[in-house]
Structure formats: C-alpha cells, structure tokens
Amino acid sequence: MKQNVILVISIVTGIIAAVVTKHYFDAKDREVREVIADLRSSQRFATIVVVKRDLPAGTVLQFEDLGLQDYPEGPTRGHAVLREDANSLVGRKIIRMLERASPVYWSDIEGGEPGSRGLAGDIPQRMRALSITVSGAASVSGMVRPNDRVDVIGTFTFPSARNPAELELVTLTVLQDVTVMAAGRETAKTIGSATRSGNYSTVTLSVTPREAEMLVFAEQIKGRLVLSLRNPSDVSYERELPRVNFNRIQEEIRDLNTFRQEQLLRKRIP
C-alpha cells in the first residue's frame, strides 16, 4: 500500500513538473517572439534582387534568373541591387559565382553600377541610344522626361502620289512606344537633381539599329519630328495609321470630330 502511494505521488509530481516546465518554456517562447516582433517593427527592410538558382561566373543575367527578397537594411545592403534597378541587370554579366537565393551586389556585376558607366551602361542589349532634335512644342512643351514612353511623328516633304513632279507635306507616325533615355542632359539617374531643365533641344531615345537609321534619315531630309507622350501603362500598337496630307485632312476631319464627340458623350452618360 505504501509503495502504491509513493508511486502515485511520483506520477503526480512528474505531471506537475511537466506542466510547470511546459508553461515556463511557453512563456519564454512568447517572450522571444515578442522581442523578435519588436525588433522587426523597428527594423527597416529593403527589397533587393536575389538569384533564383546557382549561377556560375560569366553568366549573362536574364529576367528568369532574378527574384526579389526583403532584407534588413544595414551597411552590407548599401551596394545591393534594389528592386527598382532589377531591369538594368538584364543582359549584364556577373563576375563571380552566385548561389541560389543570394543577394546581387553591384560588385558582382561586370562594370559596376550604371551610374559609374554613364548613359552607355543603361542601354539595353542590342539597342542603341539616339538623340534627335526637338523643339519645346515637339517635346510636349518640355514635359517629356527620362523613362517616359513616346510615339515619334514626322512631317516630311514627299513627291505627290497623284503627280510625282509636285511635292506635298505628309505627316506619319514613324515609331510607336519608344523609351526616352534622356531629355537634354537629364537621365533617369539625375531626375530631381540640379541638372533638370525643361529647356532642352534634344531627346535621346532607345531604338534598334534599324530604327536609328530611319530616324537619322528622317532628320537628314529636313523632316520635323514631334513626340507624342503615352500613358506608361498603355502598350497598345496601332497597326494601320494613315499618312496625313491636305486631302486626307479634308476627307477625315469631319469623321474624326464626330467620333470624338461620340466617345465624349459615352463617358458622360452614366
């Protein structure tokens, strides 16, 4: 009987000890979690670029190689590539091996930061930067900024289709959805600095080599180029835009205004 009592007491004591121990560790766990939560709430994070897979040195980065990850800000994050610069990594070569999920630092990239290489370092692979001459009105009254998207519209003197011996003015869309790399001397990296000015006479565009040839020719034949500013989210493409001359204006001006009024009326009707 006495042994049974001792056994029961031992079991009860063990249960009590286990319960007390569990409560102790639960309390400590909550305390640690609260400390971590406090640290996280006071810690600033930055979204930086990481690699999605192991990449050997010499790899030319592509979109599918890159991911994003939140990291605490600190001295070591200062030269990491931030989310807003992710696109500039595409087509760039890494100079050392990068393991999966590791951050990408500018020191890992051949040539370093874009700012250290001038505008040339920002030109995408297989593209060219070409400056064209524009007036204030031609650049939407100086409102065109780096990274804007524009259409390039040109007015030229062509032989008349009806009488090749005569010349006529013709306006047509030369290029659509073109990225502006610089407005005057202002680039994407200098936006907001003292170099900004609405008074510029050139705009630098990101174009293919074939497009560059066409724009240069358009300027050489004394064509007047005008920029039409686009909404950055508008990626539409007009496949059949007509050449506009005096006859075209006379034929279509009424239809164009009628169509515009119909569109405006639809917007007003709830």
C-alpha atoms as a PDB file:
ATOM      1  CA  MET A   1       0.000   0.000   0.000  1.00  0.00           C
ATOM      2  CA  LYS A   2       2.779   2.360   0.956  1.00  0.00           C
ATOM      3  CA  GLN A   3       4.554   1.642  -2.339  1.00  0.00           C
ATOM      4  CA  ASN A   4       1.375   2.466  -4.283  1.00  0.00           C
ATOM      5  CA  VAL A   5       1.074   5.817  -2.501  1.00  0.00           C
ATOM      6  CA  ILE A   6       4.702   6.638  -3.288  1.00  0.00           C
ATOM      7  CA  LEU A   7       4.151   5.675  -6.932  1.00  0.00           C
ATOM      8  CA  VAL A   8       1.048   7.867  -7.215  1.00  0.00           C
ATOM      9  CA  ILE A   9       2.874  10.786  -5.586  1.00  0.00           C
ATOM     10  CA  SER A  10       5.789  10.344  -8.014  1.00  0.00           C
ATOM     11  CA  ILE A  11       3.461  10.310 -11.014  1.00  0.00           C
ATOM     12  CA  VAL A  12       1.559  13.390  -9.821  1.00  0.00           C
ATOM     13  CA  THR A  13       4.829  15.185  -9.081  1.00  0.00           C
ATOM     14  CA  GLY A  14       6.120  14.311 -12.556  1.00  0.00           C
ATOM     15  CA  ILE A  15       2.936  15.591 -14.191  1.00  0.00           C
ATOM     16  CA  ILE A  16       3.104  18.824 -12.205  1.00  0.00           C
ATOM     17  CA  ALA A  17       6.773  19.258 -13.121  1.00  0.00           C
ATOM     18  CA  ALA A  18       5.993  18.636 -16.799  1.00  0.00           C
ATOM     19  CA  VAL A  19       3.117  21.142 -16.751  1.00  0.00           C
ATOM     20  CA  VAL A  20       5.225  23.771 -14.980  1.00  0.00           C
ATOM     21  CA  THR A  21       8.120  23.193 -17.394  1.00  0.00           C
ATOM     22  CA  LYS A  22       5.815  23.493 -20.400  1.00  0.00           C
ATOM     23  CA  HIS A  23       4.318  26.719 -19.091  1.00  0.00           C
ATOM     24  CA  TYR A  24       7.829  28.050 -18.461  1.00  0.00           C
ATOM     25  CA  PHE A  25       9.037  27.287 -21.966  1.00  0.00           C
ATOM     26  CA  ASP A  26       5.789  28.594 -23.493  1.00  0.00           C
ATOM     27  CA  ALA A  27       6.278  31.840 -21.603  1.00  0.00           C
ATOM     28  CA  LYS A  28       9.898  32.065 -22.752  1.00  0.00           C
ATOM     29  CA  ASP A  29       8.837  31.310 -26.327  1.00  0.00           C
ATOM     30  CA  ARG A  30       6.239  34.100 -26.216  1.00  0.00           C
ATOM     31  CA  GLU A  31       8.831  36.423 -24.759  1.00  0.00           C
ATOM     32  CA  VAL A  32      11.308  35.622 -27.534  1.00  0.00           C
ATOM     33  CA  ARG A  33       8.606  36.053 -30.183  1.00  0.00           C
ATOM     34  CA  GLU A  34       7.645  39.436 -28.745  1.00  0.00           C
ATOM     35  CA  VAL A  35      11.288  40.548 -28.762  1.00  0.00           C
ATOM     36  CA  ILE A  36      11.660  39.427 -32.387  1.00  0.00           C
ATOM     37  CA  ALA A  37       8.426  41.200 -33.319  1.00  0.00           C
ATOM     38  CA  ASP A  38       9.651  44.392 -31.637  1.00  0.00           C
ATOM     39  CA  LEU A  39      12.948  44.142 -33.490  1.00  0.00           C
ATOM     40  CA  ARG A  40      11.165  43.579 -36.790  1.00  0.00           C
ATOM     41  CA  SER A  41       8.844  46.521 -36.241  1.00  0.00           C
ATOM     42  CA  SER A  42      11.788  48.806 -35.531  1.00  0.00           C
ATOM     43  CA  GLN A  43      13.983  47.328 -38.272  1.00  0.00           C
ATOM     44  CA  ARG A  44      13.756  48.846 -41.726  1.00  0.00           C
ATOM     45  CA  PHE A  45      13.711  46.453 -44.657  1.00  0.00           C
ATOM     46  CA  ALA A  46      14.716  46.913 -48.272  1.00  0.00           C
ATOM     47  CA  THR A  47      13.582  44.814 -51.221  1.00  0.00           C
ATOM     48  CA  ILE A  48      16.675  43.674 -53.071  1.00  0.00           C
ATOM     49  CA  VAL A  49      17.398  41.444 -56.038  1.00  0.00           C
ATOM     50  CA  VAL A  50      18.396  37.809 -55.463  1.00  0.00           C
ATOM     51  CA  VAL A  51      19.180  34.984 -57.874  1.00  0.00           C
ATOM     52  CA  LYS A  52      16.754  32.090 -58.250  1.00  0.00           C
ATOM     53  CA  ARG A  53      19.396  29.451 -58.986  1.00  0.00           C
ATOM     54  CA  ASP A  54      23.122  28.836 -58.790  1.00  0.00           C
ATOM     55  CA  LEU A  55      24.847  30.930 -61.445  1.00  0.00           C
ATOM     56  CA  PRO A  56      28.474  30.429 -62.499  1.00  0.00           C
ATOM     57  CA  ALA A  57      30.790  33.374 -63.101  1.00  0.00           C
ATOM     58  CA  GLY A  58      30.358  34.822 -66.575  1.00  0.00           C
ATOM     59  CA  THR A  59      26.591  34.233 -66.710  1.00  0.00           C
ATOM     60  CA  VAL A  60      24.642  36.896 -68.603  1.00  0.00           C
ATOM     61  CA  LEU A  61      21.607  37.617 -66.432  1.00  0.00           C
ATOM     62  CA  GLN A  62      18.074  37.149 -67.772  1.00  0.00           C
ATOM     63  CA  PHE A  63      14.676  38.004 -66.246  1.00  0.00           C
ATOM     64  CA  GLU A  64      14.079  34.389 -65.209  1.00  0.00           C
ATOM     65  CA  ASP A  65      17.313  34.366 -63.175  1.00  0.00           C
ATOM     66  CA  LEU A  66      16.184  37.150 -60.852  1.00  0.00           C
ATOM     67  CA  GLY A  67      13.873  37.324 -57.852  1.00  0.00           C
ATOM     68  CA  LEU A  68      13.095  39.729 -55.004  1.00  0.00           C
ATOM     69  CA  GLN A  69      13.592  39.365 -51.262  1.00  0.00           C
ATOM     70  CA  ASP A  70      13.120  41.656 -48.245  1.00  0.00           C
ATOM     71  CA  TYR A  71      16.339  42.105 -46.264  1.00  0.00           C
ATOM     72  CA  PRO A  72      17.074  44.245 -43.186  1.00  0.00           C
ATOM     73  CA  GLU A  73      18.762  47.473 -44.140  1.00  0.00           C
ATOM     74  CA  GLY A  74      22.346  47.770 -42.986  1.00  0.00           C
ATOM     75  CA  PRO A  75      25.863  48.563 -44.103  1.00  0.00           C
ATOM     76  CA  THR A  76      26.067  45.376 -46.189  1.00  0.00           C
ATOM     77  CA  ARG A  77      22.851  46.256 -48.031  1.00  0.00           C
ATOM     78  CA  GLY A  78      24.197  49.566 -49.251  1.00  0.00           C
ATOM     79  CA  HIS A  79      25.568  48.191 -52.506  1.00  0.00           C
ATOM     80  CA  ALA A  80      22.949  45.519 -53.104  1.00  0.00           C
ATOM     81  CA  VAL A  81      20.853  45.896 -56.246  1.00  0.00           C
ATOM     82  CA  LEU A  82      17.432  47.253 -55.260  1.00  0.00           C
ATOM     83  CA  ARG A  83      14.094  46.264 -56.770  1.00  0.00           C
ATOM     84  CA  GLU A  84      13.834  49.446 -58.856  1.00  0.00           C
ATOM     85  CA  ASP A  85      17.149  48.612 -60.552  1.00  0.00           C
ATOM     86  CA  ALA A  86      16.292  44.981 -61.356  1.00  0.00           C
ATOM     87  CA  ASN A  87      15.565  45.639 -65.039  1.00  0.00           C
ATOM     88  CA  SER A  88      19.003  47.173 -65.544  1.00  0.00           C
ATOM     89  CA  LEU A  89      20.602  43.817 -64.638  1.00  0.00           C
ATOM     90  CA  VAL A  90      19.149  42.017 -67.645  1.00  0.00           C
ATOM     91  CA  GLY A  91      21.897  41.472 -70.191  1.00  0.00           C
ATOM     92  CA  ARG A  92      24.643  42.221 -67.657  1.00  0.00           C
ATOM     93  CA  LYS A  93      27.388  39.695 -66.843  1.00  0.00           C
ATOM     94  CA  ILE A  94      28.306  38.525 -63.336  1.00  0.00           C
ATOM     95  CA  ILE A  95      31.999  38.246 -62.465  1.00  0.00           C
ATOM     96  CA  ARG A  96      31.732  35.635 -59.701  1.00  0.00           C
ATOM     97  CA  MET A  97      29.570  32.634 -58.859  1.00  0.00           C
ATOM     98  CA  LEU A  98      26.261  33.418 -57.147  1.00  0.00           C
ATOM     99  CA  GLU A  99      24.478  30.761 -55.111  1.00  0.00           C
ATOM    100  CA  ARG A 100      20.714  30.322 -55.161  1.00  0.00           C
ATOM    101  CA  ALA A 101      18.821  32.963 -53.088  1.00  0.00           C
ATOM    102  CA  SER A 102      21.952  35.054 -52.558  1.00  0.00           C
ATOM    103  CA  PRO A 103      21.661  38.852 -52.949  1.00  0.00           C
ATOM    104  CA  VAL A 104      23.101  40.501 -56.037  1.00  0.00           C
ATOM    105  CA  TYR A 105      25.614  43.279 -55.332  1.00  0.00           C
ATOM    106  CA  TRP A 106      26.832  45.803 -57.839  1.00  0.00           C
ATOM    107  CA  SER A 107      30.321  44.488 -57.154  1.00  0.00           C
ATOM    108  CA  ASP A 108      29.136  41.155 -58.624  1.00  0.00           C
ATOM    109  CA  ILE A 109      28.275  42.835 -61.933  1.00  0.00           C
ATOM    110  CA  GLU A 110      30.791  43.481 -64.681  1.00  0.00           C
ATOM    111  CA  GLY A 111      31.134  47.245 -64.993  1.00  0.00           C
ATOM    112  CA  GLY A 112      29.532  48.006 -61.615  1.00  0.00           C
ATOM    113  CA  GLU A 113      26.641  50.405 -61.081  1.00  0.00           C
ATOM    114  CA  PRO A 114      25.017  52.035 -64.116  1.00  0.00           C
ATOM    115  CA  GLY A 115      25.949  55.467 -62.790  1.00  0.00           C
ATOM    116  CA  SER A 116      29.629  54.599 -62.925  1.00  0.00           C
ATOM    117  CA  ARG A 117      29.465  53.910 -66.665  1.00  0.00           C
ATOM    118  CA  GLY A 118      27.439  56.903 -67.879  1.00  0.00           C
ATOM    119  CA  LEU A 119      24.461  56.575 -70.178  1.00  0.00           C
ATOM    120  CA  ALA A 120      26.108  53.813 -72.216  1.00  0.00           C
ATOM    121  CA  GLY A 121      25.775  51.424 -69.281  1.00  0.00           C
ATOM    122  CA  ASP A 122      21.994  51.872 -69.283  1.00  0.00           C
ATOM    123  CA  ILE A 123      21.463  50.935 -72.927  1.00  0.00           C
ATOM    124  CA  PRO A 124      19.775  47.511 -73.192  1.00  0.00           C
ATOM    125  CA  GLN A 125      21.485  44.774 -75.149  1.00  0.00           C
ATOM    126  CA  ARG A 126      21.004  45.020 -78.941  1.00  0.00           C
ATOM    127  CA  MET A 127      19.618  48.547 -78.619  1.00  0.00           C
ATOM    128  CA  ARG A 128      21.071  51.978 -79.361  1.00  0.00           C
ATOM    129  CA  ALA A 129      20.738  55.423 -77.789  1.00  0.00           C
ATOM    130  CA  LEU A 130      19.984  58.049 -80.429  1.00  0.00           C
ATOM    131  CA  SER A 131      19.490  61.774 -79.841  1.00  0.00           C
ATOM    132  CA  ILE A 132      17.044  63.648 -82.040  1.00  0.00           C
ATOM    133  CA  THR A 133      16.457  67.376 -82.243  1.00  0.00           C
ATOM    134  CA  VAL A 134      13.137  68.630 -80.883  1.00  0.00           C
ATOM    135  CA  SER A 135      11.639  71.999 -80.078  1.00  0.00           C
ATOM    136  CA  GLY A 136       9.659  72.841 -76.950  1.00  0.00           C
ATOM    137  CA  ALA A 137       6.323  72.093 -78.589  1.00  0.00           C
ATOM    138  CA  ALA A 138       7.718  68.962 -80.229  1.00  0.00           C
ATOM    139  CA  SER A 139       8.627  67.568 -76.802  1.00  0.00           C
ATOM    140  CA  VAL A 140       5.160  68.215 -75.308  1.00  0.00           C
ATOM    141  CA  SER A 141       6.222  71.636 -74.012  1.00  0.00           C
ATOM    142  CA  GLY A 142       9.255  70.184 -72.266  1.00  0.00           C
ATOM    143  CA  MET A 143       7.185  67.715 -70.223  1.00  0.00           C
ATOM    144  CA  VAL A 144       8.883  64.616 -71.656  1.00  0.00           C
ATOM    145  CA  ARG A 145      11.106  63.022 -69.014  1.00  0.00           C
ATOM    146  CA  PRO A 146      13.544  60.092 -68.927  1.00  0.00           C
ATOM    147  CA  ASN A 147      11.793  56.686 -68.871  1.00  0.00           C
ATOM    148  CA  ASP A 148       8.666  58.161 -70.488  1.00  0.00           C
ATOM    149  CA  ARG A 149       7.167  56.315 -73.450  1.00  0.00           C
ATOM    150  CA  VAL A 150       6.511  58.259 -76.636  1.00  0.00           C
ATOM    151  CA  ASP A 151       5.483  57.923 -80.262  1.00  0.00           C
ATOM    152  CA  VAL A 152       7.653  59.653 -82.863  1.00  0.00           C
ATOM    153  CA  ILE A 153       5.636  61.507 -85.511  1.00  0.00           C
ATOM    154  CA  GLY A 154       7.295  63.067 -88.545  1.00  0.00           C
ATOM    155  CA  THR A 155       6.281  65.618 -91.151  1.00  0.00           C
ATOM    156  CA  PHE A 156       8.109  65.364 -94.472  1.00  0.00           C
ATOM    157  CA  THR A 157       8.042  66.745 -97.994  1.00  0.00           C
ATOM    158  CA  PHE A 158       7.319  63.857-100.360  1.00  0.00           C
ATOM    159  CA  PRO A 159       6.598  63.656-104.083  1.00  0.00           C
ATOM    160  CA  SER A 160       2.845  63.758-104.576  1.00  0.00           C
ATOM    161  CA  ALA A 161       1.198  60.381-105.164  1.00  0.00           C
ATOM    162  CA  ARG A 162      -1.059  61.965-107.800  1.00  0.00           C
ATOM    163  CA  ASN A 163       1.652  63.988-109.511  1.00  0.00           C
ATOM    164  CA  PRO A 164       5.240  62.878-108.764  1.00  0.00           C
ATOM    165  CA  ALA A 165       6.543  66.121-110.250  1.00  0.00           C
ATOM    166  CA  GLU A 166       4.950  68.018-107.365  1.00  0.00           C
ATOM    167  CA  LEU A 167       5.843  67.931-103.672  1.00  0.00           C
ATOM    168  CA  GLU A 168       3.420  67.699-100.780  1.00  0.00           C
ATOM    169  CA  LEU A 169       3.631  67.698 -96.995  1.00  0.00           C
ATOM    170  CA  VAL A 170       2.929  64.329 -95.398  1.00  0.00           C
ATOM    171  CA  THR A 171       2.665  63.521 -91.684  1.00  0.00           C
ATOM    172  CA  LEU A 172       3.006  59.961 -90.428  1.00  0.00           C
ATOM    173  CA  THR A 173       3.855  58.013 -87.287  1.00  0.00           C
ATOM    174  CA  VAL A 174       7.459  56.852 -87.597  1.00  0.00           C
ATOM    175  CA  LEU A 175       7.807  54.798 -84.376  1.00  0.00           C
ATOM    176  CA  GLN A 176       5.466  53.805 -81.558  1.00  0.00           C
ATOM    177  CA  ASP A 177       6.082  53.131 -77.861  1.00  0.00           C
ATOM    178  CA  VAL A 178       9.701  54.289 -77.660  1.00  0.00           C
ATOM    179  CA  THR A 179      11.531  54.708 -74.331  1.00  0.00           C
ATOM    180  CA  VAL A 180      13.089  58.100 -73.588  1.00  0.00           C
ATOM    181  CA  MET A 181      16.573  57.635 -72.115  1.00  0.00           C
ATOM    182  CA  ALA A 182      17.422  61.310 -71.667  1.00  0.00           C
ATOM    183  CA  ALA A 183      15.816  64.713 -72.062  1.00  0.00           C
ATOM    184  CA  GLY A 184      18.616  67.138 -72.744  1.00  0.00           C
ATOM    185  CA  ARG A 185      21.283  66.170 -70.211  1.00  0.00           C
ATOM    186  CA  GLU A 186      18.790  64.760 -67.719  1.00  0.00           C
ATOM    187  CA  THR A 187      18.774  60.968 -67.414  1.00  0.00           C
ATOM    188  CA  ALA A 188      16.820  58.601 -65.172  1.00  0.00           C
ATOM    189  CA  LYS A 189      19.673  58.737 -62.635  1.00  0.00           C
ATOM    190  CA  THR A 190      19.701  62.543 -62.470  1.00  0.00           C
ATOM    191  CA  ILE A 191      15.941  63.130 -62.149  1.00  0.00           C
ATOM    192  CA  GLY A 192      15.366  65.571 -59.312  1.00  0.00           C
ATOM    193  CA  SER A 193      18.917  66.920 -59.369  1.00  0.00           C
ATOM    194  CA  ALA A 194      20.060  70.366 -60.375  1.00  0.00           C
ATOM    195  CA  THR A 195      20.572  69.207 -63.966  1.00  0.00           C
ATOM    196  CA  ARG A 196      16.841  69.114 -64.624  1.00  0.00           C
ATOM    197  CA  SER A 197      15.584  71.670 -67.097  1.00  0.00           C
ATOM    198  CA  GLY A 198      12.507  71.947 -69.256  1.00  0.00           C
ATOM    199  CA  ASN A 199      14.562  73.853 -71.838  1.00  0.00           C
ATOM    200  CA  TYR A 200      16.252  71.189 -73.926  1.00  0.00           C
ATOM    201  CA  SER A 201      16.707  70.810 -77.656  1.00  0.00           C
ATOM    202  CA  THR A 202      17.467  67.086 -77.860  1.00  0.00           C
ATOM    203  CA  VAL A 203      15.818  63.908 -76.620  1.00  0.00           C
ATOM    204  CA  THR A 204      17.684  60.599 -76.504  1.00  0.00           C
ATOM    205  CA  LEU A 205      15.651  57.528 -77.426  1.00  0.00           C
ATOM    206  CA  SER A 206      16.254  53.790 -77.015  1.00  0.00           C
ATOM    207  CA  VAL A 207      15.926  52.313 -80.511  1.00  0.00           C
ATOM    208  CA  THR A 208      17.075  49.347 -82.568  1.00  0.00           C
ATOM    209  CA  PRO A 209      19.860  49.849 -85.131  1.00  0.00           C
ATOM    210  CA  ARG A 210      17.313  49.802 -87.987  1.00  0.00           C
ATOM    211  CA  GLU A 211      15.128  52.362 -86.230  1.00  0.00           C
ATOM    212  CA  ALA A 212      18.196  54.532 -85.635  1.00  0.00           C
ATOM    213  CA  GLU A 213      18.948  54.567 -89.366  1.00  0.00           C
ATOM    214  CA  MET A 214      15.382  55.584 -90.161  1.00  0.00           C
ATOM    215  CA  LEU A 215      15.368  58.449 -87.648  1.00  0.00           C
ATOM    216  CA  VAL A 216      18.733  59.746 -88.861  1.00  0.00           C
ATOM    217  CA  PHE A 217      17.470  59.703 -92.452  1.00  0.00           C
ATOM    218  CA  ALA A 218      14.271  61.479 -91.388  1.00  0.00           C
ATOM    219  CA  GLU A 219      16.320  64.302 -89.889  1.00  0.00           C
ATOM    220  CA  GLN A 220      18.689  64.492 -92.860  1.00  0.00           C
ATOM    221  CA  ILE A 221      15.827  65.110 -95.301  1.00  0.00           C
ATOM    222  CA  LYS A 222      14.754  68.045 -93.142  1.00  0.00           C
ATOM    223  CA  GLY A 223      11.820  66.240 -91.632  1.00  0.00           C
ATOM    224  CA  ARG A 224      10.294  67.698 -88.482  1.00  0.00           C
ATOM    225  CA  LEU A 225       9.978  65.157 -85.680  1.00  0.00           C
ATOM    226  CA  VAL A 226       7.443  65.533 -82.880  1.00  0.00           C
ATOM    227  CA  LEU A 227       6.995  63.390 -79.755  1.00  0.00           C
ATOM    228  CA  SER A 228       3.575  62.200 -78.641  1.00  0.00           C
ATOM    229  CA  LEU A 229       3.579  61.297 -74.926  1.00  0.00           C
ATOM    230  CA  ARG A 230       1.972  57.976 -73.932  1.00  0.00           C
ATOM    231  CA  ASN A 231       0.483  56.682 -70.704  1.00  0.00           C
ATOM    232  CA  PRO A 232       3.176  54.379 -69.221  1.00  0.00           C
ATOM    233  CA  SER A 233       0.661  51.535 -68.873  1.00  0.00           C
ATOM    234  CA  ASP A 234      -0.521  51.829 -72.485  1.00  0.00           C
ATOM    235  CA  VAL A 235       1.251  49.162 -74.537  1.00  0.00           C
ATOM    236  CA  SER A 236      -1.198  49.215 -77.437  1.00  0.00           C
ATOM    237  CA  TYR A 237       0.018  49.338 -81.023  1.00  0.00           C
ATOM    238  CA  GLU A 238      -1.816  50.896 -83.962  1.00  0.00           C
ATOM    239  CA  ARG A 239      -1.127  48.703 -86.988  1.00  0.00           C
ATOM    240  CA  GLU A 240      -2.725  50.859 -89.687  1.00  0.00           C
ATOM    241  CA  LEU A 241      -2.123  54.558 -89.198  1.00  0.00           C
ATOM    242  CA  PRO A 242      -2.628  56.527 -92.418  1.00  0.00           C
ATOM    243  CA  ARG A 243      -0.327  59.102 -93.915  1.00  0.00           C
ATOM    244  CA  VAL A 244      -1.906  62.506 -93.485  1.00  0.00           C
ATOM    245  CA  ASN A 245      -1.796  65.197 -96.165  1.00  0.00           C
ATOM    246  CA  PHE A 246      -4.088  68.079 -97.116  1.00  0.00           C
ATOM    247  CA  ASN A 247      -6.512  65.802 -98.936  1.00  0.00           C
ATOM    248  CA  ARG A 248      -6.668  63.384 -96.008  1.00  0.00           C
ATOM    249  CA  ILE A 249      -7.435  66.191 -93.569  1.00  0.00           C
ATOM    250  CA  GLN A 250     -10.247  67.462 -95.778  1.00  0.00           C
ATOM    251  CA  GLU A 251     -11.708  63.974 -96.118  1.00  0.00           C
ATOM    252  CA  GLU A 252     -11.492  62.854 -92.496  1.00  0.00           C
ATOM    253  CA  ILE A 253     -11.704  65.927 -90.291  1.00  0.00           C
ATOM    254  CA  ARG A 254     -15.497  65.687 -90.010  1.00  0.00           C
ATOM    255  CA  ASP A 255     -15.429  61.935 -89.266  1.00  0.00           C
ATOM    256  CA  LEU A 256     -12.693  62.380 -86.659  1.00  0.00           C
ATOM    257  CA  ASN A 257     -14.608  65.076 -84.810  1.00  0.00           C
ATOM    258  CA  THR A 258     -17.833  63.075 -84.950  1.00  0.00           C
ATOM    259  CA  PHE A 259     -16.074  60.035 -83.500  1.00  0.00           C
ATOM    260  CA  ARG A 260     -14.517  62.169 -80.729  1.00  0.00           C
ATOM    261  CA  GLN A 261     -17.873  63.653 -79.758  1.00  0.00           C
ATOM    262  CA  GLU A 262     -19.437  60.178 -79.618  1.00  0.00           C
ATOM    263  CA  GLN A 263     -16.662  58.989 -77.305  1.00  0.00           C
ATOM    264  CA  LEU A 264     -17.078  62.014 -75.035  1.00  0.00           C
ATOM    265  CA  LEU A 265     -20.836  61.505 -74.922  1.00  0.00           C
ATOM    266  CA  ARG A 266     -20.421  57.887 -73.837  1.00  0.00           C
ATOM    267  CA  LYS A 267     -18.201  58.981 -70.956  1.00  0.00           C
ATOM    268  CA  ARG A 268     -20.807  61.478 -69.750  1.00  0.00           C
ATOM    269  CA  ILE A 269     -23.706  59.020 -69.791  1.00  0.00           C
ATOM    270  CA  PRO A 270     -23.724  57.011 -66.503  1.00  0.00           C
END
